[in-house]
Amino acid sequence: MLSNKVVLATDYSEIAQKLINCLDELKILGIDEVILIHVLDIQPSKLLNLDKIKESNYKRLELVKEQIEAKNFRVKIKVPIGSPAPEIDRVACDENADLILMASHGKGYIKRLFLGSTTYNLIRQTKKSILIEKYENIEDETKIACSRKFTRILIPIDFSERSMSAVKLVKELKNKAEEIILLNVIESKRSFATIDEARLDAEKKLNNIAEEIKGSNITEKATVKIKEGSASENIINLAAAENIGLIIMSKKGEGNLKHLFIGSTSERVTKESPSPVLLVSSK
């Protein structure tokens, strides 16, 4: 289970400001403390004015802190110096925060969703769980893609120990979800003689997991779905078709390089999904 802390990094942009509106829902995860951080990625020529720069940023963060405290969160301010992704990760480790809240796109955002460079680099570097909030541009106004994330939850499962970490988290939610959809994608026959045999095996395993989830009193509706083909493509398409509020999945599946903390499926889903994505650390 996650700790009660979340790291929220801000660059004072409109998108970062809107992340504050996502905090209320995180109480469902037991979050009650926010580590508010702005990383000073400054040039050596500006080091002479470092004290003034830090003081100015503390003042700006104090105003943001007041907004967050109004939502009944405890708030701690940090202004580290360095490259954004490594510093955000370091602060999360130092503060023992298991969750980092990030936006889904950077400054070049126009009308399509994509990862900003800081978010992308952080996902690849950190062992922490990350919630990637998604936005959409509607008539030139940036809006959160889904403001009710924990109502309809999609959990892709490949039955690896890592993928089951998402199930474990869901079973400990503080509030009930309307529906949890369990998805297994058959990408190849592997050890099974036929696709039908693989489907039967997956269906049996998913139904057992569904019963465990319903027994945890989180939801009365746990739906099982089995697809064939590309895992990432099926996850993305299902999220769009089923109006999914949140995808919860492991950051890395089986067989990925140990020095990368995100698998190819997780990476593509995070980039292209229309729904917010919670990448769960499997530590």
Foldseek 3Di string as FASTA:
>chain_A
DWDQEEEQEDPPDPQSLCVLLLVLVCVLLVHAAYEYEYEAADDPVCVVVVVVVVVVVVVVVVVVCVVNVVSRHHYHYDYHYDDQLVVSQVVCVVVVGQEYEEEQDDDVDDAATFRHPSRLVNLFQHLGKYKYWYWGQDPNDIDTLANPQQAEEEQEDQPDLQSCVLLVSLLRGNAAHAEYEYEYEAADCVPHPDPVVVVVVQVVVQVVSQVVSVVSVRYVHYHYDYHYHDPLVVVQVCCVVVVHAEYEGAQDDPDDDPSTRHHPSNNSNSGHHSHIYIHHRSD
